[in-house]
């Protein structure tokens, strides 16, 4: 195998692992928007929130 090709494959693998790690980290820190309920209901103050 050519040395340049080997270096490219190693760097590509490191890059892909870094992107996977960042994606997992971001997904653990955020919530799915559909699980938050209705935005209008959360913004309007009700008697229970006082």
PDB file of N, CA and C in Angstrom:
ATOM      1  N   UNK A   1       0.849  -1.177   0.000  1.00  0.00           N
ATOM      2  CA  UNK A   1       0.000   0.000   0.000  1.00  0.00           C
ATOM      3  C   UNK A   1       0.898   1.245   0.000  1.00  0.00           C
ATOM      4  N   UNK A   2       0.495   2.219  -0.758  1.00  0.00           N
ATOM      5  CA  UNK A   2       1.237   3.465  -0.844  1.00  0.00           C
ATOM      6  C   UNK A   2       1.197   4.191   0.507  1.00  0.00           C
ATOM      7  N   UNK A   3       2.294   4.836   0.873  1.00  0.00           N
ATOM      8  CA  UNK A   3       2.379   5.518   2.163  1.00  0.00           C
ATOM      9  C   UNK A   3       1.345   6.636   2.267  1.00  0.00           C
ATOM     10  N   UNK A   4       1.146   7.390   1.190  1.00  0.00           N
ATOM     11  CA  UNK A   4       0.164   8.477   1.210  1.00  0.00           C
ATOM     12  C   UNK A   4      -1.254   7.948   1.409  1.00  0.00           C
ATOM     13  N   UNK A   5      -1.550   6.815   0.802  1.00  0.00           N
ATOM     14  CA  UNK A   5      -2.873   6.219   0.952  1.00  0.00           C
ATOM     15  C   UNK A   5      -3.092   5.752   2.386  1.00  0.00           C
ATOM     16  N   UNK A   6      -2.078   5.191   3.001  1.00  0.00           N
ATOM     17  CA  UNK A   6      -2.180   4.736   4.387  1.00  0.00           C
ATOM     18  C   UNK A   6      -2.405   5.910   5.334  1.00  0.00           C
ATOM     19  N   UNK A   7      -1.673   7.002   5.119  1.00  0.00           N
ATOM     20  CA  UNK A   7      -1.847   8.199   5.952  1.00  0.00           C
ATOM     21  C   UNK A   7      -3.261   8.740   5.787  1.00  0.00           C
ATOM     22  N   UNK A   8      -3.752   8.774   4.559  1.00  0.00           N
ATOM     23  CA  UNK A   8      -5.107   9.264   4.307  1.00  0.00           C
ATOM     24  C   UNK A   8      -6.147   8.400   5.012  1.00  0.00           C
ATOM     25  N   UNK A   9      -6.005   7.103   4.938  1.00  0.00           N
ATOM     26  CA  UNK A   9      -6.969   6.196   5.581  1.00  0.00           C
ATOM     27  C   UNK A   9      -6.948   6.371   7.096  1.00  0.00           C
ATOM     28  N   UNK A  10      -5.776   6.526   7.672  1.00  0.00           N
ATOM     29  CA  UNK A  10      -5.668   6.720   9.124  1.00  0.00           C
ATOM     30  C   UNK A  10      -6.312   8.039   9.537  1.00  0.00           C
ATOM     31  N   UNK A  11      -6.012   9.110   8.804  1.00  0.00           N
ATOM     32  CA  UNK A  11      -6.604  10.411   9.136  1.00  0.00           C
ATOM     33  C   UNK A  11      -8.121  10.403   8.924  1.00  0.00           C
ATOM     34  N   UNK A  12      -8.589   9.728   7.889  1.00  0.00           N
ATOM     35  CA  UNK A  12     -10.030   9.639   7.649  1.00  0.00           C
ATOM     36  C   UNK A  12     -10.722   8.876   8.779  1.00  0.00           C
ATOM     37  N   UNK A  13     -10.097   7.808   9.256  1.00  0.00           N
ATOM     38  CA  UNK A  13     -10.680   7.034  10.356  1.00  0.00           C
ATOM     39  C   UNK A  13     -10.728   7.862  11.637  1.00  0.00           C
ATOM     40  N   UNK A  14      -9.665   8.603  11.920  1.00  0.00           N
ATOM     41  CA  UNK A  14      -9.651   9.466  13.109  1.00  0.00           C
ATOM     42  C   UNK A  14     -10.730  10.535  13.000  1.00  0.00           C
ATOM     43  N   UNK A  15     -10.874  11.126  11.815  1.00  0.00           N
ATOM     44  CA  UNK A  15     -11.895  12.153  11.602  1.00  0.00           C
ATOM     45  C   UNK A  15     -13.298  11.584  11.801  1.00  0.00           C
ATOM     46  N   UNK A  16     -13.559  10.412  11.250  1.00  0.00           N
ATOM     47  CA  UNK A  16     -14.881   9.808  11.391  1.00  0.00           C
ATOM     48  C   UNK A  16     -15.188   9.462  12.845  1.00  0.00           C
ATOM     49  N   UNK A  17     -14.212   8.968  13.572  1.00  0.00           N
ATOM     50  CA  UNK A  17     -14.420   8.673  14.994  1.00  0.00           C
ATOM     51  C   UNK A  17     -14.681   9.947  15.786  1.00  0.00           C
ATOM     52  N   UNK A  18     -13.969  11.023  15.454  1.00  0.00           N
ATOM     53  CA  UNK A  18     -14.187  12.301  16.140  1.00  0.00           C
ATOM     54  C   UNK A  18     -15.591  12.822  15.858  1.00  0.00           C
ATOM     55  N   UNK A  19     -16.054  12.729  14.616  1.00  0.00           N
ATOM     56  CA  UNK A  19     -17.403  13.188  14.270  1.00  0.00           C
ATOM     57  C   UNK A  19     -18.465  12.341  14.972  1.00  0.00           C
ATOM     58  N   UNK A  20     -18.240  11.053  15.059  1.00  0.00           N
ATOM     59  CA  UNK A  20     -19.166  10.171  15.769  1.00  0.00           C
ATOM     60  C   UNK A  20     -19.229  10.534  17.245  1.00  0.00           C
ATOM     61  N   UNK A  21     -18.084  10.768  17.855  1.00  0.00           N
ATOM     62  CA  UNK A  21     -18.028  11.134  19.271  1.00  0.00           C
ATOM     63  C   UNK A  21     -18.728  12.466  19.518  1.00  0.00           C
ATOM     64  N   UNK A  22     -18.499  13.453  18.658  1.00  0.00           N
ATOM     65  CA  UNK A  22     -19.154  14.757  18.803  1.00  0.00           C
ATOM     66  C   UNK A  22     -20.666  14.612  18.638  1.00  0.00           C
ATOM     67  N   UNK A  23     -21.101  13.826  17.671  1.00  0.00           N
ATOM     68  CA  UNK A  23     -22.534  13.620  17.460  1.00  0.00           C
ATOM     69  C   UNK A  23     -23.208  12.964  18.649  1.00  0.00           C
ATOM     70  N   UNK A  24     -22.580  11.976  19.227  1.00  0.00           N
ATOM     71  CA  UNK A  24     -23.136  11.312  20.411  1.00  0.00           C
ATOM     72  C   UNK A  24     -23.181  12.277  21.589  1.00  0.00           C
ATOM     73  N   UNK A  25     -22.143  13.077  21.761  1.00  0.00           N
ATOM     74  CA  UNK A  25     -22.091  14.040  22.856  1.00  0.00           C
ATOM     75  C   UNK A  25     -23.204  15.077  22.724  1.00  0.00           C
ATOM     76  N   UNK A  26     -23.402  15.601  21.520  1.00  0.00           N
ATOM     77  CA  UNK A  26     -24.453  16.597  21.303  1.00  0.00           C
ATOM     78  C   UNK A  26     -25.829  15.975  21.519  1.00  0.00           C
ATOM     79  N   UNK A  27     -26.033  14.758  21.046  1.00  0.00           N
ATOM     80  CA  UNK A  27     -27.347  14.130  21.189  1.00  0.00           C
ATOM     81  C   UNK A  27     -27.680  13.820  22.641  1.00  0.00           C
ATOM     82  N   UNK A  28     -26.696  13.602  23.473  1.00  0.00           N
ATOM     83  CA  UNK A  28     -26.954  13.358  24.894  1.00  0.00           C
ATOM     84  C   UNK A  28     -27.315  14.642  25.632  1.00  0.00           C
ATOM     85  N   UNK A  29     -26.856  15.784  25.135  1.00  0.00           N
ATOM     86  CA  UNK A  29     -27.106  17.054  25.814  1.00  0.00           C
ATOM     87  C   UNK A  29     -28.405  17.726  25.392  1.00  0.00           C
ATOM     88  N   UNK A  30     -29.049  17.254  24.331  1.00  0.00           N
ATOM     89  CA  UNK A  30     -30.265  17.882  23.832  1.00  0.00           C
ATOM     90  C   UNK A  30     -31.426  16.907  23.914  1.00  0.00           C
ATOM     91  N   UNK A  31     -32.641  17.450  23.797  1.00  0.00           N
ATOM     92  CA  UNK A  31     -33.834  16.615  23.801  1.00  0.00           C
ATOM     93  C   UNK A  31     -34.508  16.700  22.442  1.00  0.00           C
ATOM     94  N   UNK A  32     -35.259  15.683  22.094  1.00  0.00           N
ATOM     95  CA  UNK A  32     -35.990  15.659  20.835  1.00  0.00           C
ATOM     96  C   UNK A  32     -37.100  16.701  20.885  1.00  0.00           C
ATOM     97  N   UNK A  33     -37.229  17.571  19.874  1.00  0.00           N
ATOM     98  CA  UNK A  33     -38.239  18.638  19.924  1.00  0.00           C
ATOM     99  C   UNK A  33     -39.668  18.124  20.068  1.00  0.00           C
ATOM    100  N   UNK A  34     -39.972  16.961  19.559  1.00  0.00           N
ATOM    101  CA  UNK A  34     -41.327  16.429  19.659  1.00  0.00           C
ATOM    102  C   UNK A  34     -41.705  16.000  21.062  1.00  0.00           C
ATOM    103  N   UNK A  35     -40.739  15.848  21.943  1.00  0.00           N
ATOM    104  CA  UNK A  35     -41.044  15.391  23.298  1.00  0.00           C
ATOM    105  C   UNK A  35     -41.319  16.542  24.260  1.00  0.00           C
ATOM    106  N   UNK A  36     -41.280  17.771  23.779  1.00  0.00           N
ATOM    107  CA  UNK A  36     -41.456  18.921  24.661  1.00  0.00           C
ATOM    108  C   UNK A  36     -42.911  19.344  24.821  1.00  0.00           C
ATOM    109  N   UNK A  37     -43.805  18.851  24.014  1.00  0.00           N
ATOM    110  CA  UNK A  37     -45.192  19.262  24.113  1.00  0.00           C
ATOM    111  C   UNK A  37     -45.450  20.485  23.254  1.00  0.00           C
ATOM    112  N   UNK A  38     -46.610  21.073  23.425  1.00  0.00           N
ATOM    113  CA  UNK A  38     -47.013  22.207  22.600  1.00  0.00           C
ATOM    114  C   UNK A  38     -46.372  23.493  23.111  1.00  0.00           C
ATOM    115  N   UNK A  39     -45.733  24.240  22.225  1.00  0.00           N
ATOM    116  CA  UNK A  39     -45.033  25.463  22.611  1.00  0.00           C
ATOM    117  C   UNK A  39     -45.997  26.518  23.139  1.00  0.00           C
ATOM    118  N   UNK A  40     -47.165  26.661  22.498  1.00  0.00           N
ATOM    119  CA  UNK A  40     -48.126  27.674  22.923  1.00  0.00           C
ATOM    120  C   UNK A  40     -48.606  27.403  24.347  1.00  0.00           C
ATOM    121  N   UNK A  41     -48.826  26.155  24.675  1.00  0.00           N
ATOM    122  CA  UNK A  41     -49.287  25.815  26.022  1.00  0.00           C
ATOM    123  C   UNK A  41     -48.213  26.100  27.064  1.00  0.00           C
ATOM    124  N   UNK A  42     -46.964  25.987  26.695  1.00  0.00           N
ATOM    125  CA  UNK A  42     -45.893  26.246  27.652  1.00  0.00           C
ATOM    126  C   UNK A  42     -45.656  27.736  27.853  1.00  0.00           C
ATOM    127  N   UNK A  43     -45.971  28.556  26.837  1.00  0.00           N
ATOM    128  CA  UNK A  43     -45.688  29.989  26.935  1.00  0.00           C
ATOM    129  C   UNK A  43     -46.797  30.764  27.633  1.00  0.00           C
ATOM    130  N   UNK A  44     -48.040  30.313  27.518  1.00  0.00           N
ATOM    131  CA  UNK A  44     -49.163  31.026  28.105  1.00  0.00           C
ATOM    132  C   UNK A  44     -49.202  30.733  29.600  1.00  0.00           C
ATOM    133  N   UNK A  45     -49.148  31.775  30.436  1.00  0.00           N
ATOM    134  CA  UNK A  45     -49.206  31.524  31.886  1.00  0.00           C
ATOM    135  C   UNK A  45     -50.597  31.041  32.305  1.00  0.00           C
ATOM    136  N   UNK A  46     -50.618  30.100  33.192  1.00  0.00           N
ATOM    137  CA  UNK A  46     -51.884  29.586  33.722  1.00  0.00           C
ATOM    138  C   UNK A  46     -51.909  29.812  35.224  1.00  0.00           C
ATOM    139  N   UNK A  47     -53.028  29.527  35.828  1.00  0.00           N
ATOM    140  CA  UNK A  47     -53.170  29.694  37.270  1.00  0.00           C
ATOM    141  C   UNK A  47     -52.274  28.729  38.030  1.00  0.00           C
ATOM    142  N   UNK A  48     -51.988  27.567  37.449  1.00  0.00           N
ATOM    143  CA  UNK A  48     -51.163  26.570  38.123  1.00  0.00           C
ATOM    144  C   UNK A  48     -49.706  27.008  38.197  1.00  0.00           C
ATOM    145  N   UNK A  49     -49.252  27.831  37.237  1.00  0.00           N
ATOM    146  CA  UNK A  49     -47.851  28.247  37.212  1.00  0.00           C
ATOM    147  C   UNK A  49     -47.543  29.366  38.197  1.00  0.00           C
ATOM    148  N   UNK A  50     -48.563  30.052  38.736  1.00  0.00           N
ATOM    149  CA  UNK A  50     -48.315  31.189  39.642  1.00  0.00           C
ATOM    150  C   UNK A  50     -47.962  30.736  40.976  1.00  0.00           C
TER     151      UNK A  50
END
